[in-house]
Protein backbone atom coordinates (compact mmCIF):
# COMPACT_ATOMS: atom_id res chain seq x y z
CA UNK A 1 23.48 -36.92 -27.17
CA UNK A 2 20.25 -38.38 -25.54
CA UNK A 3 17.12 -36.36 -25.37
CA UNK A 4 17.28 -35.96 -21.63
CA UNK A 5 20.95 -34.86 -21.62
CA UNK A 6 20.24 -32.50 -24.52
CA UNK A 7 17.43 -30.94 -22.58
CA UNK A 8 19.24 -30.57 -19.45
CA UNK A 9 22.42 -29.16 -20.96
CA UNK A 10 20.31 -26.68 -23.10
CA UNK A 11 18.37 -25.77 -19.80
CA UNK A 12 21.51 -25.25 -17.98
CA UNK A 13 23.15 -22.78 -20.40
CA UNK A 14 19.84 -21.18 -21.18
CA UNK A 15 19.44 -20.55 -17.42
CA UNK A 16 22.96 -19.19 -16.99
CA UNK A 17 22.43 -16.89 -20.02
CA UNK A 18 18.85 -15.74 -19.11
CA UNK A 19 19.17 -15.31 -15.38
CA UNK A 20 22.81 -13.99 -15.66
CA UNK A 21 21.69 -11.35 -18.15
CA UNK A 22 18.48 -10.51 -16.31
CA UNK A 23 20.30 -10.15 -13.01
CA UNK A 24 22.78 -7.87 -14.47
CA UNK A 25 20.04 -5.82 -16.28
CA UNK A 26 17.91 -5.70 -12.95
CA UNK A 27 20.91 -4.41 -10.97
CA UNK A 28 21.59 -1.74 -13.66
CA UNK A 29 17.87 -0.81 -13.73
CA UNK A 30 17.96 -0.37 -9.74
CA UNK A 31 20.95 2.00 -10.10
CA UNK A 32 19.22 3.99 -13.05
CA UNK A 33 16.01 4.15 -10.93
CA UNK A 34 17.90 5.75 -8.23
CA UNK A 35 19.55 8.28 -10.54
CA UNK A 36 16.73 9.01 -12.87
CA UNK A 37 13.24 10.37 -12.35
CA UNK A 38 9.92 8.29 -12.86
CA UNK A 39 8.90 10.64 -15.69
CA UNK A 40 12.00 9.77 -17.63
CA UNK A 41 11.31 6.20 -17.42
CA UNK A 42 7.74 7.04 -18.55
CA UNK A 43 8.87 8.83 -21.70
CA UNK A 44 10.86 5.53 -22.64
CA UNK A 45 7.73 3.50 -21.92
CA UNK A 46 5.75 5.69 -24.43
CA UNK A 47 8.03 4.43 -27.15
CA UNK A 48 7.75 0.81 -26.10
CA UNK A 49 4.84 -0.06 -28.28
CA UNK A 50 6.37 1.22 -31.42
CA UNK A 51 9.62 -0.59 -30.77
CA UNK A 52 7.66 -3.87 -30.02
CA UNK A 53 5.78 -3.50 -33.24
CA UNK A 54 8.96 -2.85 -35.23
CA UNK A 55 10.71 -5.96 -33.67
CA UNK A 56 7.57 -8.16 -34.50
CA UNK A 57 7.47 -6.99 -38.16
CA UNK A 58 11.22 -7.67 -38.34
CA UNK A 59 11.01 -11.16 -37.21
CA UNK A 60 7.79 -12.04 -39.00
CA UNK A 61 7.69 -15.38 -37.28
CA UNK A 62 10.19 -16.86 -39.81
CA UNK A 63 12.59 -17.65 -37.02
CA UNK A 64 9.94 -20.00 -35.49
CA UNK A 65 9.73 -21.59 -38.95
CA UNK A 66 13.47 -22.12 -39.20
CA UNK A 67 13.47 -23.82 -35.82
CA UNK A 68 10.80 -26.31 -36.63
CA UNK A 69 12.23 -27.03 -40.18
CA UNK A 70 14.29 -30.42 -39.89
CA UNK A 71 17.15 -29.53 -42.12
CA UNK A 72 17.26 -25.86 -42.97
CA UNK A 73 20.02 -24.90 -45.57
CA UNK A 74 22.21 -21.87 -45.90
CA UNK A 75 19.63 -20.56 -48.46
CA UNK A 76 16.96 -20.78 -45.97
CA UNK A 77 19.06 -18.84 -43.38
CA UNK A 78 20.21 -16.21 -45.93
CA UNK A 79 16.73 -15.70 -47.37
CA UNK A 80 15.38 -14.98 -43.88
CA UNK A 81 18.34 -12.74 -43.01
CA UNK A 82 17.81 -10.61 -46.24
CA UNK A 83 14.15 -10.34 -45.55
CA UNK A 84 14.77 -9.27 -41.87
CA UNK A 85 17.21 -6.61 -42.90
CA UNK A 86 14.97 -5.10 -45.59
CA UNK A 87 11.92 -5.09 -43.28
CA UNK A 88 14.05 -3.41 -40.55
CA UNK A 89 15.05 -0.54 -42.86
CA UNK A 90 11.35 -0.01 -43.94
CA UNK A 91 10.12 -0.05 -40.41
CA UNK A 92 12.82 2.41 -39.33
CA UNK A 93 11.85 4.87 -42.11
CA UNK A 94 8.25 4.65 -41.29
CA UNK A 95 8.95 5.28 -37.42
CA UNK A 96 11.47 8.03 -38.27
CA UNK A 97 8.84 10.18 -40.22
CA UNK A 98 6.06 9.18 -37.70
CA UNK A 99 7.98 10.60 -34.79
CA UNK A 100 6.37 14.08 -34.88
CA UNK A 101 2.93 12.47 -34.86
CA UNK A 102 3.95 10.19 -31.88
CA UNK A 103 5.21 13.21 -29.92
CA UNK A 104 2.09 15.14 -30.75
CA UNK A 105 -0.14 12.26 -29.53
CA UNK A 106 1.56 12.26 -26.30
CA UNK A 107 2.04 15.96 -26.15
CA UNK A 108 5.75 15.37 -25.46
CA UNK A 109 7.98 17.26 -27.94
CA UNK A 110 11.15 15.54 -26.69
CA UNK A 111 9.76 12.29 -28.16
CA UNK A 112 10.64 13.31 -31.75
CA UNK A 113 14.27 12.91 -31.25
CA UNK A 114 13.99 10.06 -28.69
CA UNK A 115 11.90 7.98 -31.03
CA UNK A 116 14.24 8.47 -34.01
CA UNK A 117 17.37 7.48 -32.10
CA UNK A 118 15.79 4.76 -30.04
CA UNK A 119 14.35 2.93 -33.17
CA UNK A 120 17.80 2.52 -34.64
CA UNK A 121 17.87 -0.57 -32.39
CA UNK A 122 15.51 -2.31 -34.76
CA UNK A 123 17.97 -2.19 -37.70
CA UNK A 124 20.85 -3.19 -35.57
CA UNK A 125 18.83 -6.33 -34.25
CA UNK A 126 18.16 -7.37 -37.79
CA UNK A 127 21.68 -8.37 -38.15
CA UNK A 128 21.63 -10.89 -35.25
CA UNK A 129 18.13 -12.50 -35.28
CA UNK A 130 19.05 -15.26 -37.79
CA UNK A 131 22.21 -16.06 -35.72
CA UNK A 132 20.18 -16.33 -32.57
CA UNK A 133 17.76 -18.56 -34.50
CA UNK A 134 20.64 -20.86 -35.58
CA UNK A 135 21.96 -21.15 -32.11
CA UNK A 136 18.54 -21.78 -30.50
CA UNK A 137 17.86 -24.60 -33.06
CA UNK A 138 21.21 -26.10 -32.13
CA UNK A 139 20.27 -25.55 -28.45
CA UNK A 140 23.53 -23.63 -28.09
CA UNK A 141 22.77 -21.09 -25.40
CA UNK A 142 26.38 -21.05 -24.20
CA UNK A 143 27.51 -19.01 -27.33
CA UNK A 144 24.37 -16.76 -26.89
CA UNK A 145 25.47 -16.15 -23.32
CA UNK A 146 29.10 -15.17 -24.39
CA UNK A 147 27.54 -12.48 -26.47
CA UNK A 148 24.63 -11.21 -24.43
CA UNK A 149 26.35 -11.24 -21.09
CA UNK A 150 29.23 -8.78 -21.83
CA UNK A 151 26.92 -6.68 -23.99
CA UNK A 152 24.55 -6.18 -21.11
CA UNK A 153 27.36 -5.30 -18.64
CA UNK A 154 29.23 -2.89 -20.82
CA UNK A 155 26.07 -1.10 -22.08
CA UNK A 156 24.83 -0.94 -18.54
CA UNK A 157 27.99 0.65 -17.30
CA UNK A 158 27.67 3.29 -20.06
CA UNK A 159 24.12 3.89 -19.06
CA UNK A 160 24.92 4.51 -15.41
CA UNK A 161 27.89 6.74 -16.26
CA UNK A 162 25.73 8.89 -18.59
CA UNK A 163 22.90 9.06 -16.03
CA UNK A 164 25.34 10.05 -13.33
CA UNK A 165 26.69 12.78 -15.70
CA UNK A 166 23.24 14.25 -16.09
CA UNK A 167 22.12 12.81 -19.43
CA UNK A 168 18.71 11.94 -18.21
CA UNK A 169 16.51 9.97 -20.29
CA UNK A 170 19.17 9.97 -23.15
CA UNK A 171 21.27 7.61 -20.95
CA UNK A 172 18.46 4.93 -21.53
CA UNK A 173 18.49 5.46 -25.26
CA UNK A 174 22.29 5.33 -25.55
CA UNK A 175 22.44 2.19 -23.38
CA UNK A 176 19.83 0.40 -25.60
CA UNK A 177 21.73 1.18 -28.72
CA UNK A 178 25.14 0.22 -27.26
CA UNK A 179 23.79 -3.14 -26.07
CA UNK A 180 22.37 -4.04 -29.48
CA UNK A 181 25.64 -3.14 -31.32
CA UNK A 182 27.78 -5.13 -28.90
CA UNK A 183 25.61 -8.05 -28.97
CA UNK A 184 25.48 -8.10 -32.77
CA UNK A 185 29.26 -7.86 -33.06
CA UNK A 186 29.95 -10.63 -30.52
CA UNK A 187 27.61 -12.92 -32.27
CA UNK A 188 29.38 -12.42 -35.51
CA UNK A 189 32.58 -13.06 -33.84
CA UNK A 190 31.72 -16.26 -32.03
CA UNK A 191 29.59 -17.84 -34.70
CA UNK A 192 31.76 -16.99 -37.73
CA UNK A 193 28.50 -17.15 -39.71
CA UNK A 194 27.91 -14.78 -42.67
CA UNK A 195 24.90 -14.77 -44.96
CA UNK A 196 25.18 -15.41 -48.59
CA UNK A 197 23.72 -13.07 -51.00
CA UNK A 198 20.90 -15.39 -51.96
CA UNK A 199 17.12 -14.74 -51.77
CA UNK A 200 15.32 -18.02 -52.53
CA UNK A 201 11.63 -17.19 -53.25
CA UNK A 202 10.35 -20.62 -52.77
CA UNK A 203 11.95 -21.08 -49.37
CA UNK A 204 10.69 -17.65 -48.42
CA UNK A 205 7.19 -18.56 -49.46
CA UNK A 206 7.43 -21.82 -47.34
CA UNK A 207 8.62 -19.96 -44.18
CA UNK A 208 6.29 -17.02 -44.67
CA UNK A 209 3.26 -19.31 -45.06
CA UNK A 210 3.91 -20.67 -41.47
CA UNK A 211 5.31 -17.36 -40.09
CA UNK A 212 2.89 -14.72 -41.19
CA UNK A 213 0.16 -15.99 -39.10
CA UNK A 214 2.44 -15.89 -36.08
CA UNK A 215 3.56 -12.39 -37.17
CA UNK A 216 -0.02 -11.12 -37.11
CA UNK A 217 -0.65 -12.79 -33.74
CA UNK A 218 2.54 -11.22 -32.37
CA UNK A 219 1.56 -7.99 -33.96
CA UNK A 220 -1.69 -8.00 -32.00
CA UNK A 221 0.01 -9.09 -28.90
CA UNK A 222 2.69 -6.24 -29.10
CA UNK A 223 -0.24 -3.70 -29.69
CA UNK A 224 -2.34 -4.90 -26.86
CA UNK A 225 0.40 -5.81 -24.45
CA UNK A 226 1.49 -2.22 -24.45
CA UNK A 227 -1.82 -0.62 -24.92
CA UNK A 228 -1.98 0.10 -21.16
CA UNK A 229 1.26 2.13 -21.61
CA UNK A 230 -0.37 4.12 -24.56
CA UNK A 231 -3.54 4.78 -22.58
CA UNK A 232 -1.81 5.77 -19.34
CA UNK A 233 0.77 7.80 -21.38
CA UNK A 234 -1.96 9.65 -23.30
CA UNK A 235 -4.30 10.43 -20.19
CA UNK A 236 -1.85 10.70 -17.36
CA UNK A 237 1.42 12.40 -16.47
CA UNK A 238 4.63 10.73 -17.54
CA UNK A 239 5.39 9.91 -13.92
CA UNK A 240 2.35 7.77 -13.44
CA UNK A 241 3.32 5.81 -16.56
CA UNK A 242 6.85 5.58 -15.09
CA UNK A 243 5.35 4.03 -11.87
CA UNK A 244 3.14 1.58 -13.85
CA UNK A 245 6.21 0.69 -16.09
CA UNK A 246 8.43 -0.06 -13.16
CA UNK A 247 5.78 -2.15 -11.33
CA UNK A 248 4.91 -4.06 -14.63
CA UNK A 249 8.57 -4.89 -15.28
CA UNK A 250 9.21 -6.08 -11.73
CA UNK A 251 6.07 -8.25 -11.89
CA UNK A 252 7.11 -9.70 -15.27
CA UNK A 253 10.68 -10.44 -14.15
CA UNK A 254 10.26 -13.90 -12.56
CA UNK A 255 7.65 -15.21 -15.05
CA UNK A 256 9.22 -14.05 -18.24
CA UNK A 257 12.81 -14.93 -17.08
CA UNK A 258 11.55 -18.42 -16.44
CA UNK A 259 9.52 -18.69 -19.62
CA UNK A 260 12.40 -17.30 -21.65
CA UNK A 261 14.76 -20.10 -20.29
CA UNK A 262 12.34 -22.94 -20.68
CA UNK A 263 10.69 -21.98 -23.93
CA UNK A 264 13.95 -21.71 -25.83
CA UNK A 265 14.84 -25.22 -24.76
CA UNK A 266 11.46 -26.91 -24.92
CA UNK A 267 10.26 -25.54 -28.30
CA UNK A 268 12.89 -27.32 -30.47
CA UNK A 269 12.72 -30.43 -28.23
CA UNK A 270 8.94 -30.63 -28.04
CA UNK A 271 8.94 -30.26 -31.84
CA UNK A 272 10.90 -33.37 -32.13
CA UNK A 273 7.97 -35.47 -30.77
CA UNK A 274 5.09 -33.05 -31.75
CA UNK A 275 3.04 -36.06 -33.12
CA UNK A 276 3.13 -38.08 -29.85
CA UNK A 277 0.32 -36.43 -27.78
CA UNK A 278 0.74 -38.64 -24.65
CA UNK A 279 4.33 -37.76 -24.44
CA UNK A 280 3.85 -34.15 -25.33
CA UNK A 281 1.10 -33.70 -22.65
CA UNK A 282 3.19 -35.46 -19.88
CA UNK A 283 6.26 -33.21 -20.62
CA UNK A 284 3.95 -30.13 -20.85
CA UNK A 285 2.31 -30.86 -17.58
CA UNK A 286 5.67 -31.42 -15.59
CA UNK A 287 7.06 -28.20 -16.93
CA UNK A 288 4.09 -26.01 -16.37
CA UNK A 289 3.69 -27.11 -12.79
CA UNK A 290 7.31 -26.45 -12.19
CA UNK A 291 7.18 -23.01 -13.58
CA UNK A 292 4.16 -22.17 -11.47
CA UNK A 293 5.82 -23.77 -8.50
CA UNK A 294 8.75 -21.30 -8.76
CA UNK A 295 6.86 -18.32 -10.12
CA UNK A 296 3.77 -18.08 -7.84
CA UNK A 297 5.59 -17.93 -4.39
CA UNK A 298 8.16 -15.55 -5.65
CA UNK A 299 5.57 -13.07 -6.86
CA UNK A 300 3.19 -13.34 -3.94
CA UNK A 301 6.01 -13.02 -1.38
CA UNK A 302 7.22 -9.97 -3.31
CA UNK A 303 3.68 -8.58 -3.33
CA UNK A 304 3.53 -9.00 0.51
CA UNK A 305 6.90 -7.26 0.94
CA UNK A 306 6.19 -4.68 -1.86
CA UNK A 307 6.74 -1.61 0.39
CA UNK A 308 10.25 -2.44 1.82
CA UNK A 309 11.16 -3.93 -1.49
CA UNK A 310 10.51 -0.74 -3.58
CA UNK A 311 12.12 1.46 -0.76
CA UNK A 312 15.27 -0.73 -0.79
CA UNK A 313 15.59 -1.23 -4.40
CA UNK A 314 14.36 2.10 -5.97
CA UNK A 315 14.11 4.53 -3.03
CA UNK A 316 10.86 6.13 -1.62
CA UNK A 317 10.13 8.17 -4.78
CA UNK A 318 8.86 4.86 -6.31
CA UNK A 319 6.43 4.11 -3.55
CA UNK A 320 3.38 5.10 -5.60
CA UNK A 321 4.05 1.99 -7.75
CA UNK A 322 3.59 -0.46 -4.89
CA UNK A 323 -0.13 -1.00 -5.21
CA UNK A 324 0.15 -1.24 -9.09
CA UNK A 325 2.75 -3.97 -8.54
CA UNK A 326 0.64 -5.82 -5.95
CA UNK A 327 -2.37 -5.95 -8.40
CA UNK A 328 -0.31 -6.95 -11.42
CA UNK A 329 1.30 -9.76 -9.61
CA UNK A 330 -1.81 -11.94 -10.44
CA UNK A 331 -1.15 -11.34 -14.10
CA UNK A 332 2.45 -12.48 -13.62
CA UNK A 333 1.48 -15.78 -11.96
CA UNK A 334 -0.59 -16.78 -15.03
CA UNK A 335 1.93 -15.55 -17.56
CA UNK A 336 3.90 -18.84 -17.95
CA UNK A 337 0.63 -20.81 -18.19
CA UNK A 338 -0.78 -18.67 -21.04
CA UNK A 339 2.63 -18.72 -22.97
CA UNK A 340 2.92 -22.44 -22.82
CA UNK A 341 -0.59 -23.12 -23.98
CA UNK A 342 -0.04 -20.97 -26.95
CA UNK A 343 3.37 -22.52 -27.48
CA UNK A 344 1.70 -25.96 -27.94
CA UNK A 345 -0.12 -24.55 -31.04
CA UNK A 346 3.27 -23.40 -32.43
CA UNK A 347 4.83 -26.85 -31.78
CA UNK A 348 1.78 -28.46 -33.54
CA UNK A 349 2.17 -26.13 -36.45
CA UNK A 350 -1.33 -24.70 -35.86
CA UNK A 351 -0.36 -20.99 -36.43
CA UNK A 352 -3.96 -20.47 -37.79
CA UNK A 353 -5.33 -21.40 -34.36
CA UNK A 354 -2.80 -19.28 -32.69
CA UNK A 355 -3.89 -16.17 -34.60
CA UNK A 356 -7.43 -17.05 -34.06
CA UNK A 357 -7.05 -17.04 -30.24
CA UNK A 358 -4.95 -13.84 -30.34
CA UNK A 359 -7.88 -12.06 -32.16
CA UNK A 360 -10.42 -13.35 -29.59
CA UNK A 361 -8.22 -12.35 -26.61
CA UNK A 362 -7.60 -8.78 -28.07
CA UNK A 363 -11.38 -8.18 -28.68
CA UNK A 364 -11.93 -9.05 -24.93
CA UNK A 365 -9.15 -6.60 -24.15
CA UNK A 366 -10.93 -3.84 -26.14
CA UNK A 367 -14.22 -4.39 -24.34
CA UNK A 368 -12.65 -4.57 -20.85
CA UNK A 369 -10.50 -1.53 -21.43
CA UNK A 370 -13.45 0.53 -22.63
CA UNK A 371 -15.30 -0.30 -19.33
CA UNK A 372 -12.40 -0.06 -16.93
CA UNK A 373 -10.91 3.11 -18.12
CA UNK A 374 -14.00 4.92 -16.64
CA UNK A 375 -12.70 3.82 -13.20
CA UNK A 376 -9.19 5.37 -13.43
CA UNK A 377 -5.88 3.86 -13.17
CA UNK A 378 -6.93 1.22 -10.76
CA UNK A 379 -9.80 0.32 -12.94
CA UNK A 380 -7.24 -0.29 -15.62
CA UNK A 381 -5.14 -2.54 -13.49
CA UNK A 382 -7.98 -4.58 -12.14
CA UNK A 383 -9.41 -4.98 -15.71
CA UNK A 384 -6.12 -6.41 -16.88
CA UNK A 385 -6.26 -9.08 -14.23
CA UNK A 386 -9.79 -10.05 -15.31
CA UNK A 387 -8.62 -10.18 -18.88
CA UNK A 388 -5.84 -12.62 -17.82
CA UNK A 389 -8.20 -14.88 -16.07
CA UNK A 390 -10.56 -15.08 -19.14
CA UNK A 391 -7.59 -15.56 -21.40
CA UNK A 392 -6.60 -18.60 -19.46
CA UNK A 393 -9.89 -20.41 -20.47
CA UNK A 394 -9.61 -19.26 -24.12
CA UNK A 395 -5.89 -20.30 -24.47
CA UNK A 396 -6.53 -23.69 -22.98
CA UNK A 397 -9.43 -24.56 -25.29
CA UNK A 398 -7.29 -25.84 -28.20
CA UNK A 399 -4.69 -27.36 -25.81
CA UNK A 400 -7.58 -29.50 -24.56
CA UNK A 401 -8.41 -30.50 -28.13
CA UNK A 402 -4.86 -31.01 -29.46
CA UNK A 403 -3.18 -32.97 -26.52
CA UNK A 404 -6.41 -33.63 -24.40
CA UNK A 405 -5.24 -31.33 -21.52
CA UNK A 406 -8.27 -29.25 -20.69
CA UNK A 407 -8.82 -26.05 -18.77
CA UNK A 408 -10.17 -27.68 -15.58
CA UNK A 409 -7.48 -30.42 -15.60
CA UNK A 410 -4.78 -27.67 -15.77
CA UNK A 411 -6.49 -25.78 -13.04
CA UNK A 412 -6.52 -28.88 -10.82
CA UNK A 413 -2.80 -29.29 -11.47
CA UNK A 414 -1.73 -25.81 -10.43
CA UNK A 415 -4.58 -24.60 -7.96
CA UNK A 416 -2.93 -26.19 -4.85
CA UNK A 417 0.42 -24.64 -5.74
CA UNK A 418 -1.16 -21.15 -5.94
CA UNK A 419 -3.19 -21.63 -2.81
CA UNK A 420 -0.09 -22.64 -0.76
CA UNK A 421 1.82 -19.62 -2.19
CA UNK A 422 -1.05 -17.42 -1.24
CA UNK A 423 -1.22 -18.70 2.31
CA UNK A 424 2.52 -18.28 2.66
CA UNK A 425 2.25 -14.55 1.36
CA UNK A 426 -0.52 -13.77 3.88
CA UNK A 427 1.65 -15.16 6.73
CA UNK A 428 4.41 -12.90 5.43
CA UNK A 429 2.18 -9.89 5.28
CA UNK A 430 0.91 -10.48 8.74
CA UNK A 431 4.35 -10.85 10.15
CA UNK A 432 5.72 -7.70 8.34
CA UNK A 433 2.85 -5.52 9.70
CA UNK A 434 3.75 -6.43 13.24
CA UNK A 435 7.54 -6.52 12.72
CA UNK A 436 7.13 -2.81 11.58
CA UNK A 437 6.41 -1.74 15.12
CA UNK A 438 9.89 -2.87 16.10
CA UNK A 439 12.12 -2.87 13.02
CA UNK A 440 12.14 -0.15 10.27
CA UNK A 441 15.09 -1.22 8.24
CA UNK A 442 13.90 -2.31 4.89
CA UNK A 443 16.59 -4.94 4.27
CA UNK A 444 15.81 -6.63 7.71
CA UNK A 445 12.13 -6.71 6.86
CA UNK A 446 12.84 -8.28 3.41
CA UNK A 447 15.28 -11.01 4.87
CA UNK A 448 12.95 -11.92 7.54
CA UNK A 449 9.73 -11.86 5.49
CA UNK A 450 11.49 -13.88 2.66
CA UNK A 451 12.73 -16.49 4.95
CA UNK A 452 9.46 -17.03 6.66
CA UNK A 453 7.56 -17.14 3.37
CA UNK A 454 9.91 -19.65 1.61
CA UNK A 455 10.10 -21.89 4.45
CA UNK A 456 6.34 -21.93 4.91
CA UNK A 457 5.81 -22.61 1.20
CA UNK A 458 8.40 -25.51 1.12
CA UNK A 459 7.08 -26.94 4.33
CA UNK A 460 3.50 -26.90 3.09
CA UNK A 461 4.57 -28.21 -0.30
CA UNK A 462 6.24 -31.16 1.42
CA UNK A 463 3.16 -31.76 3.67
CA UNK A 464 0.88 -31.89 0.65
CA UNK A 465 3.39 -33.90 -1.32
CA UNK A 466 3.56 -31.57 -4.30
CA UNK A 467 5.27 -33.34 -7.19
CA UNK A 468 7.04 -30.14 -8.31
CA UNK A 469 8.89 -29.95 -5.15
CA UNK A 470 10.46 -33.47 -5.66
CA UNK A 471 11.05 -32.75 -9.48
CA UNK A 472 12.99 -29.57 -8.45
CA UNK A 473 15.00 -31.48 -5.87
CA UNK A 474 15.86 -34.06 -8.61
CA UNK A 475 17.07 -31.32 -11.05
CA UNK A 476 19.13 -29.68 -8.37
CA UNK A 477 20.78 -32.97 -7.38
CA UNK A 478 21.60 -33.76 -11.10
CA UNK A 479 23.53 -30.45 -11.20
């Protein structure tokens, strides 16, 4: 199969899997948000950082090493599988006995049992990580979809039923456990792959030498990505954390969904021509512009329509999350850009530089957090936006050196897209404020505002002849 055909096929099935699963998860989250209280979501958000740390230690970056290895053997896969399973059990035991301390930190006694049950997911996921890695290396996202899609639907149905029957926060816990079990079983069924009882120390050493730096980087990222949940959960009521968590997840939905789709396809493919800087830069530039072209208008138009959007999706009890969402949207716009710049370092095999940048970025987070926390919840939110902007210049430093695609060249390539998206969102905001005098139905406001925003953005993109518009049209026509 040719490079282009392989990329498009992988992109198609990756899109189906990611957006299909994300769409189902999003619909389920809407139903659950209507049935449950913000403070119940806040309790789960308090656990997020510990689950993130557990999953990072479980993967240890060895999956990335397997993907970039030209011809991994069964010994490679089985060695990583045994390592993952062993680490998952160790992590679970540590979290289990740390549960009383976690509950005491947040002053929420219920967290003892919640943490102990929810963290079982880490062990279950250990059984499927190598299988997902194998399928990703083969760019086989169709099989991944056949496992993840039904697992998401069935576990979501269980979660909704339990929430409706009054299980409260436990409906979220049981839903997560059910999803992991179903996904793991379906992957075993479809792949027919079983590990052999072999642990090859030399192969482990090879993969670990590349992966441990990524692990430490991911560990830092997990700690600091969720540090706002930790701070808000510690110093504010669970409901406030619930509002922040809901706003942050909705903000991350477009960018992370796009990134998940594209990264899984581009990482193994970019790795094939990692030594051709001209080709790598050209491909990276096109993909980054396309991601921003889709992500920026979505987020900014959603921000302009945040009030009717939250009312329509989650009901009025979630309205306090609206200003949080509007501020966090600017982080969401830059998310794919950050991720892609760091991904170039992994493609180049420079996990040492990846780790170095993560340490620098996290030091900045600590400084900004220390200053911004004094200004309350909004100080924390605006501080996170400032960190994201500073991180852009830091993350692009080595991209400039490795593939000669420097910060200001990247800004030049995306600034017009963001400006047009901003103009479109301001027009939507102006229209919606005047429309409110005549129409109070949230769904009507959303339909009219979305139509005006998208038509304006596409029209201005055509007038300014944005390359991303024509690239997107070509991709749609091919399908």
